[in-house]
């Protein structure tokens, strides 16, 4: 009887432990919100290949970098641009020699799915007619978030920024910008191509020219002083063939823009 009670208790504790979002021994990854979905699949593949438990916290790269600066216990940081990796490196928060360029992305203009909208990008394009009388353009906050900075640069290059800068919805991150369009709360949005692929409620109207904005490069780095035992293994896995194939399937490109 005592053995049975002990077995039940151990089974209960194991179930409870599995339900917890993170444990001290887990590798904690702070990742740009645009990686949600793809990175989840990569983490599953890592465990299936014999790796340890990995959990991810998703938000804007800027918010995550500031949290790490303040001492948040992340093991790995994956930013949607190189600037926030530079930011942490300059403050002594990253492990020397661990930095990697993981992949790239493309920038697209989206609208709610099912709406009859056509658009061709050219210098001087006017987006205001597509916004209507009181519609807004959704994008990640261009003052802080990488996706928003890329969007502003691209719109300036197209000479379209002046016509829309007073009609912006500044979202906390790119997935939040995508949600505004998906829900029909904004007639247009600027997001990553991978975000548009993952959301059936939006349609891609046009892809911004690659030279209209700085190269989109996702940088990964280990965080100094808090890396768990599996951190180095998972970082290596991220750059390996299996993880890279998963990222490509979700629409990510190489850091230099190629899809292959």
Protein backbone atom coordinates (compact mmCIF):
# COMPACT_ATOMS: atom_id res chain seq x y z
CA UNK A 1 0.00 0.00 0.00
CA UNK A 2 2.83 2.33 0.93
CA UNK A 3 4.55 1.55 -2.40
CA UNK A 4 1.36 2.35 -4.31
CA UNK A 5 0.98 5.67 -2.50
CA UNK A 6 4.60 6.51 -3.24
CA UNK A 7 4.10 5.65 -6.93
CA UNK A 8 1.01 7.88 -7.15
CA UNK A 9 2.86 10.74 -5.47
CA UNK A 10 5.82 10.46 -7.82
CA UNK A 11 3.53 10.34 -10.86
CA UNK A 12 1.70 13.45 -9.61
CA UNK A 13 4.95 15.33 -9.09
CA UNK A 14 6.19 14.36 -12.54
CA UNK A 15 2.97 15.63 -14.13
CA UNK A 16 3.12 18.86 -12.13
CA UNK A 17 6.74 19.40 -13.12
CA UNK A 18 5.96 18.91 -16.81
CA UNK A 19 3.21 21.54 -16.58
CA UNK A 20 5.54 24.23 -15.29
CA UNK A 21 6.67 26.71 -17.97
CA UNK A 22 10.35 26.58 -17.04
CA UNK A 23 12.65 24.98 -14.52
CA UNK A 24 16.09 26.00 -13.31
CA UNK A 25 17.72 23.35 -15.50
CA UNK A 26 15.86 24.42 -18.66
CA UNK A 27 17.56 26.49 -21.34
CA UNK A 28 15.64 29.76 -21.54
CA UNK A 29 15.63 31.53 -24.90
CA UNK A 30 14.54 35.15 -25.25
CA UNK A 31 13.42 35.40 -28.89
CA UNK A 32 11.94 38.00 -31.23
CA UNK A 33 8.16 37.60 -31.51
CA UNK A 34 8.37 36.86 -35.24
CA UNK A 35 10.08 33.55 -34.42
CA UNK A 36 7.02 32.14 -32.65
CA UNK A 37 5.95 28.91 -34.32
CA UNK A 38 9.17 28.23 -36.19
CA UNK A 39 11.31 28.26 -33.05
CA UNK A 40 8.76 26.14 -31.20
CA UNK A 41 9.21 23.49 -33.89
CA UNK A 42 12.99 23.78 -33.65
CA UNK A 43 12.88 23.29 -29.88
CA UNK A 44 10.75 20.17 -30.32
CA UNK A 45 13.24 18.80 -32.86
CA UNK A 46 16.11 19.50 -30.45
CA UNK A 47 14.44 17.43 -27.73
CA UNK A 48 13.67 14.63 -30.19
CA UNK A 49 17.37 14.56 -31.12
CA UNK A 50 18.29 14.02 -27.47
CA UNK A 51 18.75 17.61 -26.37
CA UNK A 52 17.60 19.01 -23.05
CA UNK A 53 14.50 21.03 -22.28
CA UNK A 54 14.33 24.44 -23.94
CA UNK A 55 11.66 27.07 -23.36
CA UNK A 56 11.17 30.38 -25.16
CA UNK A 57 9.89 33.78 -24.15
CA UNK A 58 8.71 35.88 -27.11
CA UNK A 59 8.50 39.66 -27.30
CA UNK A 60 9.99 42.58 -29.22
CA UNK A 61 13.78 42.33 -29.46
CA UNK A 62 14.09 45.72 -27.80
CA UNK A 63 12.00 44.70 -24.78
CA UNK A 64 13.91 41.45 -24.36
CA UNK A 65 17.30 43.16 -24.58
CA UNK A 66 16.27 45.65 -21.90
CA UNK A 67 15.11 42.78 -19.67
CA UNK A 68 18.45 41.01 -20.08
CA UNK A 69 20.26 44.26 -19.33
CA UNK A 70 18.31 44.42 -16.05
CA UNK A 71 19.32 40.87 -15.12
CA UNK A 72 16.63 38.61 -16.56
CA UNK A 73 17.94 35.01 -16.50
CA UNK A 74 17.97 34.25 -20.24
CA UNK A 75 20.46 31.74 -21.60
CA UNK A 76 20.22 32.74 -25.27
CA UNK A 77 19.02 35.93 -26.94
CA UNK A 78 17.74 35.90 -30.53
CA UNK A 79 17.13 39.35 -31.97
CA UNK A 80 15.40 40.31 -35.22
CA UNK A 81 18.27 42.67 -35.94
CA UNK A 82 21.92 43.04 -35.09
CA UNK A 83 21.58 46.34 -33.24
CA UNK A 84 20.08 44.87 -30.08
CA UNK A 85 22.77 42.19 -29.99
CA UNK A 86 25.31 45.01 -30.30
CA UNK A 87 23.49 46.82 -27.49
CA UNK A 88 23.95 43.92 -25.06
CA UNK A 89 27.52 43.22 -26.19
CA UNK A 90 28.47 46.83 -25.51
CA UNK A 91 27.16 46.42 -21.95
CA UNK A 92 29.11 43.23 -21.30
CA UNK A 93 26.04 41.01 -21.26
CA UNK A 94 27.00 38.52 -23.97
CA UNK A 95 29.45 35.65 -24.04
CA UNK A 96 32.46 36.36 -26.26
CA UNK A 97 32.67 34.21 -29.38
CA UNK A 98 29.09 32.92 -29.16
CA UNK A 99 27.42 35.29 -31.60
CA UNK A 100 25.82 33.77 -34.72
CA UNK A 101 23.87 35.09 -37.70
CA UNK A 102 20.94 32.66 -37.94
CA UNK A 103 18.74 33.70 -40.86
CA UNK A 104 17.08 36.53 -42.72
CA UNK A 105 13.56 37.62 -43.61
CA UNK A 106 11.63 39.79 -46.04
CA UNK A 107 9.35 42.76 -45.42
CA UNK A 108 5.83 42.80 -46.86
CA UNK A 109 2.72 44.96 -46.98
CA UNK A 110 -0.41 43.08 -45.93
CA UNK A 111 -4.17 43.65 -45.92
CA UNK A 112 -7.09 41.64 -44.53
CA UNK A 113 -7.64 38.50 -46.57
CA UNK A 114 -10.47 38.52 -49.11
CA UNK A 115 -10.39 42.23 -49.88
CA UNK A 116 -9.96 43.15 -53.53
CA UNK A 117 -6.79 45.22 -53.32
CA UNK A 118 -3.96 45.50 -55.83
CA UNK A 119 -0.77 47.48 -55.49
CA UNK A 120 2.57 47.90 -57.20
CA UNK A 121 5.49 49.42 -55.33
CA UNK A 122 7.28 52.31 -56.96
CA UNK A 123 9.06 55.44 -55.73
CA UNK A 124 6.41 57.96 -54.78
CA UNK A 125 3.64 55.39 -54.23
CA UNK A 126 0.71 56.83 -52.26
CA UNK A 127 -0.74 54.45 -49.66
CA UNK A 128 -3.32 56.84 -48.22
CA UNK A 129 -6.10 55.88 -50.67
CA UNK A 130 -5.81 52.28 -49.45
CA UNK A 131 -6.19 53.47 -45.85
CA UNK A 132 -9.51 55.13 -46.57
CA UNK A 133 -10.91 58.10 -44.71
CA UNK A 134 -9.91 57.04 -41.21
CA UNK A 135 -7.88 53.81 -41.58
CA UNK A 136 -4.42 53.30 -40.13
CA UNK A 137 -1.23 51.52 -41.14
CA UNK A 138 -0.18 48.95 -38.52
CA UNK A 139 3.51 48.38 -37.87
CA UNK A 140 5.80 47.64 -34.96
CA UNK A 141 6.96 50.76 -33.12
CA UNK A 142 9.61 52.23 -35.45
CA UNK A 143 11.37 53.99 -32.58
CA UNK A 144 12.25 50.75 -30.80
CA UNK A 145 11.31 47.53 -32.59
CA UNK A 146 13.42 46.11 -35.46
CA UNK A 147 10.43 45.36 -37.71
CA UNK A 148 9.22 48.92 -37.28
CA UNK A 149 12.64 50.35 -38.07
CA UNK A 150 12.84 48.27 -41.23
CA UNK A 151 9.32 49.40 -42.17
CA UNK A 152 10.09 53.08 -41.69
CA UNK A 153 13.29 52.80 -43.72
CA UNK A 154 11.43 51.04 -46.56
CA UNK A 155 8.59 53.56 -46.60
CA UNK A 156 11.05 56.46 -46.62
CA UNK A 157 12.89 54.81 -49.53
CA UNK A 158 9.57 54.53 -51.41
CA UNK A 159 8.84 58.20 -50.60
CA UNK A 160 5.63 57.02 -48.91
CA UNK A 161 6.48 57.74 -45.26
CA UNK A 162 5.35 61.37 -45.25
CA UNK A 163 1.91 60.33 -46.45
CA UNK A 164 1.29 57.78 -43.68
CA UNK A 165 3.28 58.85 -40.63
CA UNK A 166 0.21 60.56 -39.13
CA UNK A 167 -1.90 57.44 -39.71
CA UNK A 168 0.13 54.82 -37.85
CA UNK A 169 -0.79 52.18 -35.30
CA UNK A 170 2.46 51.63 -33.38
CA UNK A 171 2.31 48.09 -32.04
CA UNK A 172 4.50 46.66 -29.29
CA UNK A 173 5.88 44.01 -31.67
CA UNK A 174 5.42 42.74 -35.21
CA UNK A 175 2.95 40.00 -34.25
CA UNK A 176 0.76 42.62 -32.57
CA UNK A 177 0.87 44.68 -35.79
CA UNK A 178 -0.14 41.58 -37.73
CA UNK A 179 -3.07 41.01 -35.37
CA UNK A 180 -4.48 44.49 -36.07
CA UNK A 181 -4.72 43.62 -39.77
CA UNK A 182 -5.92 40.06 -39.20
CA UNK A 183 -8.80 41.33 -37.06
CA UNK A 184 -9.73 43.94 -39.66
CA UNK A 185 -8.86 46.81 -37.32
CA UNK A 186 -6.29 48.21 -39.78
CA UNK A 187 -6.59 48.07 -43.59
CA UNK A 188 -2.82 47.81 -44.08
CA UNK A 189 0.20 46.59 -42.14
CA UNK A 190 3.93 46.14 -42.61
CA UNK A 191 5.20 42.83 -41.25
CA UNK A 192 7.70 40.11 -42.04
CA UNK A 193 6.93 37.67 -44.85
CA UNK A 194 7.04 34.82 -42.32
CA UNK A 195 4.32 36.50 -40.24
CA UNK A 196 2.09 36.84 -43.30
CA UNK A 197 2.65 33.17 -44.16
CA UNK A 198 1.58 32.11 -40.66
CA UNK A 199 -1.66 34.13 -40.61
CA UNK A 200 -4.46 33.00 -43.01
CA UNK A 201 -6.54 36.08 -42.22
CA UNK A 202 -4.16 38.39 -44.13
CA UNK A 203 -3.00 38.62 -47.73
CA UNK A 204 0.33 39.92 -49.00
CA UNK A 205 -0.06 42.87 -51.35
CA UNK A 206 3.60 43.47 -52.14
CA UNK A 207 7.12 42.67 -50.98
CA UNK A 208 9.40 45.60 -50.25
CA UNK A 209 12.57 45.70 -52.38
CA UNK A 210 15.56 44.31 -50.49
CA UNK A 211 17.53 47.52 -51.01
CA UNK A 212 14.73 49.64 -49.50
CA UNK A 213 15.78 48.77 -45.95
CA UNK A 214 18.82 47.47 -44.04
CA UNK A 215 19.38 43.70 -44.36
CA UNK A 216 17.13 41.75 -42.01
CA UNK A 217 19.47 39.52 -40.02
CA UNK A 218 18.46 37.53 -36.93
CA UNK A 219 21.37 37.41 -34.51
CA UNK A 220 21.72 34.87 -31.70
CA UNK A 221 24.08 35.03 -28.75
CA UNK A 222 24.58 33.40 -25.37
CA UNK A 223 24.02 35.59 -22.35
CA UNK A 224 27.01 35.95 -20.06
CA UNK A 225 26.75 34.46 -16.59
CA UNK A 226 23.36 32.78 -16.93
CA UNK A 227 23.87 30.14 -19.62
CA UNK A 228 22.61 26.70 -18.66
CA UNK A 229 24.45 23.48 -19.51
CA UNK A 230 22.51 22.97 -22.74
CA UNK A 231 22.88 26.56 -23.99
CA UNK A 232 25.93 25.93 -26.18
CA UNK A 233 24.39 22.75 -27.62
CA UNK A 234 21.16 24.47 -28.53
CA UNK A 235 22.95 27.42 -30.13
CA UNK A 236 24.92 24.97 -32.29
CA UNK A 237 21.67 23.19 -33.15
CA UNK A 238 20.11 26.47 -34.32
CA UNK A 239 22.75 26.79 -37.01
CA UNK A 240 22.65 23.10 -38.00
CA UNK A 241 20.90 21.63 -41.05
CA UNK A 242 17.74 20.40 -39.32
CA UNK A 243 16.93 23.71 -37.61
CA UNK A 244 17.81 25.68 -40.73
CA UNK A 245 15.48 23.51 -42.82
CA UNK A 246 12.66 24.21 -40.36
CA UNK A 247 13.30 27.95 -40.55
CA UNK A 248 13.33 27.82 -44.37
CA UNK A 249 10.03 25.95 -44.36
CA UNK A 250 8.53 28.77 -42.32
CA UNK A 251 9.70 31.31 -44.89
CA UNK A 252 12.97 32.54 -43.41
CA UNK A 253 15.91 33.14 -45.70
CA UNK A 254 19.65 32.91 -45.22
CA UNK A 255 21.22 35.96 -43.51
CA UNK A 256 22.10 37.22 -46.99
CA UNK A 257 18.58 37.00 -48.34
CA UNK A 258 18.57 33.74 -50.30
CA UNK A 259 15.82 31.22 -49.63
CA UNK A 260 18.13 28.27 -50.25
